Amino acid sequence: MDLTRARLNRANLSRAALVGATLTEADLARSDLAHATLRHANLRDANLSSANLFETDLTGVNLIGANLADVNLTGSCLVGVRWSLDTEWPGEIYEKIRVWSEELEFGIFRVRADDARDRSRIPEPLPV
């Protein structure tokens, strides 16, 4: 599915199946993508600012140069996400993303599988 340069700002795409979609340079600002599946989609240079990506499957997504400022990534799967120094992450998560990633080539990174899930909602074990 080719949605290059699509204007989807403020769109309700919750639970959408956009597996392998091409969304290069798409405008998804303020869109609701909660619980969506974007596996292996190309979001290079896309604008996702202030979008809701709550529990979104972003496995293997290309986010090189994408704008994710103020995005809700709580519970999202980031395994294999490719990103660059030009990718704009929400301020509070950038340091985690950098630690979780390996540099593939100068300025291009991929989030490693062992660290790529938001674990903030996992409860502490109960005492025995």
N, C-alpha and C. Protein backbone atom coordinates (compact mmCIF):
# COMPACT_ATOMS: atom_id res chain seq x y z
N MET A 1 0.85 -1.17 0.00
CA MET A 1 0.00 0.00 0.00
C MET A 1 0.90 1.23 0.00
N ASP A 2 0.80 2.06 -1.02
CA ASP A 2 1.63 3.25 -1.13
C ASP A 2 0.84 4.48 -0.71
N LEU A 3 1.22 5.03 0.44
CA LEU A 3 0.59 6.25 0.95
C LEU A 3 1.63 7.36 1.08
N THR A 4 2.58 7.38 0.16
CA THR A 4 3.63 8.40 0.17
C THR A 4 3.00 9.79 0.15
N ARG A 5 3.47 10.63 1.07
CA ARG A 5 3.02 12.03 1.21
C ARG A 5 1.52 12.17 1.52
N ALA A 6 0.91 11.12 2.02
CA ALA A 6 -0.52 11.19 2.36
C ALA A 6 -0.75 12.18 3.51
N ARG A 7 -1.87 12.86 3.48
CA ARG A 7 -2.25 13.79 4.54
C ARG A 7 -3.27 13.09 5.43
N LEU A 8 -2.76 12.51 6.49
CA LEU A 8 -3.61 11.73 7.40
C LEU A 8 -3.60 12.33 8.80
N ASN A 9 -3.31 13.62 8.90
CA ASN A 9 -3.29 14.24 10.23
C ASN A 9 -4.67 14.18 10.87
N ARG A 10 -4.66 13.88 12.16
CA ARG A 10 -5.88 13.74 12.97
C ARG A 10 -6.76 12.56 12.55
N ALA A 11 -6.22 11.64 11.75
CA ALA A 11 -7.01 10.48 11.31
C ALA A 11 -7.16 9.46 12.43
N ASN A 12 -8.29 8.79 12.47
CA ASN A 12 -8.50 7.69 13.40
C ASN A 12 -8.09 6.40 12.70
N LEU A 13 -6.88 5.93 13.02
CA LEU A 13 -6.34 4.71 12.43
C LEU A 13 -6.09 3.66 13.52
N SER A 14 -6.81 3.80 14.63
CA SER A 14 -6.63 2.83 15.72
C SER A 14 -7.01 1.44 15.22
N ARG A 15 -6.17 0.48 15.59
CA ARG A 15 -6.32 -0.93 15.20
C ARG A 15 -6.15 -1.18 13.70
N ALA A 16 -5.66 -0.19 12.96
CA ALA A 16 -5.44 -0.36 11.52
C ALA A 16 -4.32 -1.35 11.26
N ALA A 17 -4.44 -2.11 10.17
CA ALA A 17 -3.39 -3.03 9.73
C ALA A 17 -2.67 -2.39 8.56
N LEU A 18 -1.51 -1.83 8.83
CA LEU A 18 -0.73 -1.15 7.81
C LEU A 18 0.61 -1.85 7.63
N VAL A 19 0.59 -3.17 7.63
CA VAL A 19 1.79 -3.98 7.51
C VAL A 19 2.47 -3.71 6.17
N GLY A 20 3.74 -3.31 6.23
CA GLY A 20 4.52 -3.07 5.02
C GLY A 20 4.12 -1.83 4.22
N ALA A 21 3.26 -1.00 4.77
CA ALA A 21 2.78 0.19 4.04
C ALA A 21 3.92 1.19 3.83
N THR A 22 3.85 1.90 2.73
CA THR A 22 4.80 2.98 2.45
C THR A 22 4.12 4.29 2.83
N LEU A 23 4.64 4.90 3.89
CA LEU A 23 4.10 6.16 4.40
C LEU A 23 5.21 7.23 4.41
N THR A 24 6.11 7.15 3.45
CA THR A 24 7.22 8.09 3.35
C THR A 24 6.69 9.51 3.23
N GLU A 25 7.21 10.39 4.10
CA GLU A 25 6.83 11.80 4.12
C GLU A 25 5.35 12.03 4.39
N ALA A 26 4.66 11.05 4.94
CA ALA A 26 3.23 11.21 5.25
C ALA A 26 3.06 12.13 6.46
N ASP A 27 1.93 12.82 6.51
CA ASP A 27 1.58 13.67 7.64
C ASP A 27 0.57 12.91 8.50
N LEU A 28 1.06 12.40 9.62
CA LEU A 28 0.22 11.66 10.56
C LEU A 28 0.14 12.39 11.90
N ALA A 29 0.41 13.67 11.91
CA ALA A 29 0.38 14.46 13.14
C ALA A 29 -0.97 14.35 13.82
N ARG A 30 -0.94 14.12 15.11
CA ARG A 30 -2.14 14.03 15.96
C ARG A 30 -3.08 12.88 15.58
N SER A 31 -2.59 11.92 14.80
CA SER A 31 -3.42 10.77 14.43
C SER A 31 -3.49 9.76 15.57
N ASP A 32 -4.55 8.99 15.59
CA ASP A 32 -4.72 7.93 16.57
C ASP A 32 -4.36 6.60 15.91
N LEU A 33 -3.19 6.07 16.29
CA LEU A 33 -2.71 4.78 15.77
C LEU A 33 -2.62 3.76 16.90
N ALA A 34 -3.37 3.97 17.98
CA ALA A 34 -3.34 3.05 19.11
C ALA A 34 -3.72 1.65 18.65
N HIS A 35 -2.95 0.67 19.10
CA HIS A 35 -3.19 -0.75 18.80
C HIS A 35 -3.08 -1.09 17.32
N ALA A 36 -2.52 -0.19 16.52
CA ALA A 36 -2.35 -0.46 15.08
C ALA A 36 -1.16 -1.39 14.87
N THR A 37 -1.13 -2.03 13.71
CA THR A 37 -0.01 -2.88 13.31
C THR A 37 0.68 -2.23 12.12
N LEU A 38 1.91 -1.79 12.35
CA LEU A 38 2.68 -1.12 11.30
C LEU A 38 3.95 -1.90 10.96
N ARG A 39 3.96 -3.20 11.23
CA ARG A 39 5.16 -4.02 11.00
C ARG A 39 5.77 -3.74 9.63
N HIS A 40 7.07 -3.47 9.64
CA HIS A 40 7.87 -3.29 8.43
C HIS A 40 7.37 -2.17 7.51
N ALA A 41 6.63 -1.22 8.06
CA ALA A 41 6.18 -0.06 7.28
C ALA A 41 7.35 0.91 7.09
N ASN A 42 7.27 1.71 6.04
CA ASN A 42 8.28 2.72 5.78
C ASN A 42 7.71 4.08 6.13
N LEU A 43 8.17 4.64 7.24
CA LEU A 43 7.72 5.95 7.70
C LEU A 43 8.87 6.96 7.62
N ARG A 44 9.76 6.76 6.68
CA ARG A 44 10.91 7.66 6.51
C ARG A 44 10.41 9.09 6.30
N ASP A 45 10.96 10.01 7.11
CA ASP A 45 10.63 11.45 7.03
C ASP A 45 9.15 11.76 7.26
N ALA A 46 8.42 10.85 7.90
CA ALA A 46 7.00 11.09 8.21
C ALA A 46 6.87 12.01 9.42
N ASN A 47 5.76 12.73 9.48
CA ASN A 47 5.45 13.58 10.62
C ASN A 47 4.42 12.87 11.49
N LEU A 48 4.87 12.39 12.64
CA LEU A 48 3.99 11.70 13.59
C LEU A 48 3.84 12.51 14.88
N SER A 49 4.18 13.78 14.84
CA SER A 49 4.16 14.59 16.06
C SER A 49 2.79 14.54 16.73
N SER A 50 2.82 14.35 18.04
CA SER A 50 1.62 14.29 18.89
C SER A 50 0.66 13.16 18.53
N ALA A 51 1.12 12.15 17.80
CA ALA A 51 0.26 11.01 17.47
C ALA A 51 0.16 10.07 18.67
N ASN A 52 -0.90 9.29 18.70
CA ASN A 52 -1.10 8.29 19.75
C ASN A 52 -0.68 6.93 19.19
N LEU A 53 0.47 6.42 19.67
CA LEU A 53 0.96 5.11 19.24
C LEU A 53 0.91 4.12 20.41
N PHE A 54 -0.07 4.27 21.28
CA PHE A 54 -0.22 3.40 22.44
C PHE A 54 -0.37 1.95 21.99
N GLU A 55 0.53 1.08 22.49
CA GLU A 55 0.52 -0.35 22.18
C GLU A 55 0.48 -0.64 20.68
N THR A 56 1.21 0.14 19.92
CA THR A 56 1.29 -0.04 18.47
C THR A 56 2.46 -0.97 18.14
N ASP A 57 2.27 -1.86 17.19
CA ASP A 57 3.33 -2.77 16.75
C ASP A 57 4.16 -2.07 15.68
N LEU A 58 5.36 -1.64 16.06
CA LEU A 58 6.26 -0.95 15.16
C LEU A 58 7.46 -1.83 14.77
N THR A 59 7.31 -3.13 14.88
CA THR A 59 8.39 -4.06 14.58
C THR A 59 8.96 -3.83 13.18
N GLY A 60 10.26 -3.56 13.12
CA GLY A 60 10.95 -3.42 11.85
C GLY A 60 10.61 -2.18 11.04
N VAL A 61 9.98 -1.20 11.64
CA VAL A 61 9.56 0.02 10.94
C VAL A 61 10.77 0.92 10.65
N ASN A 62 10.75 1.58 9.51
CA ASN A 62 11.77 2.56 9.15
C ASN A 62 11.30 3.92 9.64
N LEU A 63 11.98 4.45 10.66
CA LEU A 63 11.66 5.77 11.20
C LEU A 63 12.80 6.76 10.95
N ILE A 64 13.62 6.50 9.94
CA ILE A 64 14.73 7.39 9.63
C ILE A 64 14.19 8.77 9.26
N GLY A 65 14.61 9.78 10.01
CA GLY A 65 14.20 11.16 9.75
C GLY A 65 12.78 11.50 10.17
N ALA A 66 12.08 10.59 10.82
CA ALA A 66 10.69 10.84 11.22
C ALA A 66 10.62 11.78 12.43
N ASN A 67 9.51 12.49 12.54
CA ASN A 67 9.26 13.39 13.67
C ASN A 67 8.28 12.70 14.61
N LEU A 68 8.78 12.30 15.79
CA LEU A 68 7.95 11.65 16.80
C LEU A 68 7.82 12.51 18.05
N ALA A 69 7.98 13.81 17.91
CA ALA A 69 7.87 14.71 19.06
C ALA A 69 6.51 14.57 19.71
N ASP A 70 6.50 14.44 21.01
CA ASP A 70 5.28 14.35 21.82
C ASP A 70 4.40 13.15 21.49
N VAL A 71 4.98 12.08 20.96
CA VAL A 71 4.24 10.86 20.63
C VAL A 71 4.09 9.99 21.87
N ASN A 72 2.95 9.34 22.02
CA ASN A 72 2.73 8.38 23.10
C ASN A 72 3.15 7.00 22.59
N LEU A 73 4.27 6.48 23.10
CA LEU A 73 4.77 5.17 22.70
C LEU A 73 4.58 4.12 23.79
N THR A 74 3.79 4.41 24.78
CA THR A 74 3.58 3.48 25.89
C THR A 74 3.12 2.12 25.39
N GLY A 75 3.84 1.08 25.77
CA GLY A 75 3.47 -0.28 25.42
C GLY A 75 3.74 -0.68 23.98
N SER A 76 4.35 0.20 23.20
CA SER A 76 4.62 -0.11 21.79
C SER A 76 5.82 -1.02 21.65
N CYS A 77 5.79 -1.88 20.63
CA CYS A 77 6.90 -2.77 20.32
C CYS A 77 7.80 -2.07 19.31
N LEU A 78 9.06 -1.88 19.68
CA LEU A 78 10.02 -1.18 18.85
C LEU A 78 11.12 -2.10 18.32
N VAL A 79 10.91 -3.40 18.37
CA VAL A 79 11.92 -4.37 17.92
C VAL A 79 12.30 -4.10 16.47
N GLY A 80 13.59 -3.90 16.22
CA GLY A 80 14.08 -3.74 14.85
C GLY A 80 13.80 -2.41 14.20
N VAL A 81 13.26 -1.44 14.94
CA VAL A 81 13.00 -0.12 14.37
C VAL A 81 14.33 0.51 13.95
N ARG A 82 14.37 1.03 12.72
CA ARG A 82 15.54 1.74 12.22
C ARG A 82 15.27 3.24 12.33
N TRP A 83 16.28 3.97 12.79
CA TRP A 83 16.14 5.39 12.99
C TRP A 83 17.49 6.07 12.75
N SER A 84 17.48 7.39 12.67
CA SER A 84 18.71 8.14 12.42
C SER A 84 18.85 9.27 13.42
N LEU A 85 19.99 9.94 13.34
CA LEU A 85 20.20 11.11 14.20
C LEU A 85 19.21 12.22 13.88
N ASP A 86 18.58 12.17 12.72
CA ASP A 86 17.57 13.16 12.33
C ASP A 86 16.18 12.81 12.85
N THR A 87 16.00 11.59 13.36
CA THR A 87 14.71 11.18 13.92
C THR A 87 14.49 11.95 15.22
N GLU A 88 13.33 12.55 15.35
CA GLU A 88 13.01 13.32 16.56
C GLU A 88 12.12 12.47 17.47
N TRP A 89 12.69 12.04 18.60
CA TRP A 89 11.97 11.22 19.57
C TRP A 89 11.36 12.09 20.65
N PRO A 90 10.33 11.58 21.35
CA PRO A 90 9.86 12.30 22.54
C PRO A 90 11.04 12.43 23.51
N GLY A 91 11.21 13.58 24.09
CA GLY A 91 12.36 13.86 24.95
C GLY A 91 12.63 12.83 26.02
N GLU A 92 11.58 12.33 26.64
CA GLU A 92 11.76 11.42 27.78
C GLU A 92 12.22 10.03 27.37
N ILE A 93 12.16 9.67 26.12
CA ILE A 93 12.53 8.32 25.70
C ILE A 93 13.82 8.26 24.89
N TYR A 94 14.33 9.40 24.43
CA TYR A 94 15.50 9.38 23.56
C TYR A 94 16.67 8.61 24.18
N GLU A 95 16.99 8.87 25.43
CA GLU A 95 18.14 8.21 26.05
C GLU A 95 17.96 6.69 26.09
N LYS A 96 16.74 6.22 26.39
CA LYS A 96 16.47 4.78 26.38
C LYS A 96 16.66 4.20 24.98
N ILE A 97 16.10 4.87 23.98
CA ILE A 97 16.20 4.40 22.59
C ILE A 97 17.66 4.29 22.20
N ARG A 98 18.45 5.28 22.56
CA ARG A 98 19.88 5.27 22.19
C ARG A 98 20.59 4.09 22.83
N VAL A 99 20.29 3.82 24.10
CA VAL A 99 20.92 2.70 24.81
C VAL A 99 20.46 1.36 24.23
N TRP A 100 19.20 1.27 23.84
CA TRP A 100 18.63 0.03 23.31
C TRP A 100 19.06 -0.27 21.88
N SER A 101 19.75 0.67 21.24
CA SER A 101 20.03 0.56 19.81
C SER A 101 21.50 0.24 19.52
N GLU A 102 21.69 -0.35 18.33
CA GLU A 102 23.03 -0.57 17.81
C GLU A 102 23.19 0.29 16.57
N GLU A 103 24.41 0.81 16.36
CA GLU A 103 24.65 1.63 15.18
C GLU A 103 24.99 0.72 14.02
N LEU A 104 24.21 0.81 12.94
CA LEU A 104 24.41 -0.02 11.76
C LEU A 104 25.47 0.59 10.83
N GLU A 105 25.41 1.88 10.68
CA GLU A 105 26.38 2.66 9.92
C GLU A 105 26.32 4.05 10.51
N PHE A 106 27.21 4.92 10.10
CA PHE A 106 27.27 6.23 10.74
C PHE A 106 25.90 6.92 10.74
N GLY A 107 25.38 7.19 11.93
CA GLY A 107 24.13 7.93 12.09
C GLY A 107 22.85 7.15 11.87
N ILE A 108 22.95 5.84 11.57
CA ILE A 108 21.77 4.99 11.36
C ILE A 108 21.79 3.90 12.42
N PHE A 109 20.66 3.73 13.12
CA PHE A 109 20.58 2.81 14.24
C PHE A 109 19.43 1.83 14.07
N ARG A 110 19.50 0.72 14.84
CA ARG A 110 18.39 -0.23 14.89
C ARG A 110 18.20 -0.63 16.36
N VAL A 111 16.96 -0.61 16.81
CA VAL A 111 16.64 -1.00 18.18
C VAL A 111 16.79 -2.51 18.29
N ARG A 112 17.58 -2.94 19.27
CA ARG A 112 17.82 -4.37 19.48
C ARG A 112 16.58 -5.04 20.06
N ALA A 113 16.40 -6.29 19.71
CA ALA A 113 15.22 -7.06 20.13
C ALA A 113 15.14 -7.25 21.64
N ASP A 114 16.26 -7.40 22.31
CA ASP A 114 16.23 -7.70 23.74
C ASP A 114 15.80 -6.53 24.61
N ASP A 115 15.78 -5.31 24.09
CA ASP A 115 15.46 -4.14 24.90
C ASP A 115 14.31 -3.31 24.37
N ALA A 116 13.61 -3.77 23.36
CA ALA A 116 12.74 -2.90 22.60
C ALA A 116 11.29 -2.79 23.05
N ARG A 117 10.92 -3.36 24.14
CA ARG A 117 9.54 -3.22 24.60
C ARG A 117 9.48 -2.32 25.81
N ASP A 118 8.48 -1.49 25.84
CA ASP A 118 8.27 -0.62 27.00
C ASP A 118 7.81 -1.51 28.15
N ARG A 119 8.61 -1.55 29.19
CA ARG A 119 8.30 -2.42 30.33
C ARG A 119 7.71 -1.64 31.50
N SER A 120 7.33 -0.41 31.28
CA SER A 120 6.87 0.44 32.38
C SER A 120 5.58 -0.07 33.01
N ARG A 121 4.82 -0.88 32.31
CA ARG A 121 3.55 -1.35 32.86
C ARG A 121 3.65 -2.73 33.50
N ILE A 122 4.84 -3.35 33.46
CA ILE A 122 5.01 -4.67 34.05
C ILE A 122 5.09 -4.52 35.57
N PRO A 123 4.18 -5.17 36.30
CA PRO A 123 4.18 -5.02 37.76
C PRO A 123 5.36 -5.73 38.40
N GLU A 124 5.74 -5.25 39.55
CA GLU A 124 6.78 -5.91 40.34
C GLU A 124 6.25 -7.24 40.84
N PRO A 125 7.13 -8.27 40.97
CA PRO A 125 6.66 -9.55 41.50
C PRO A 125 6.19 -9.41 42.95
N LEU A 126 5.21 -10.19 43.30
CA LEU A 126 4.70 -10.18 44.66
C LEU A 126 5.65 -10.93 45.58
N PRO A 127 5.83 -10.45 46.81
CA PRO A 127 6.71 -11.17 47.75
C PRO A 127 6.12 -12.53 48.10
N VAL A 128 6.99 -13.50 48.30
CA VAL A 128 6.53 -14.87 48.63
C VAL A 128 6.56 -15.08 50.10
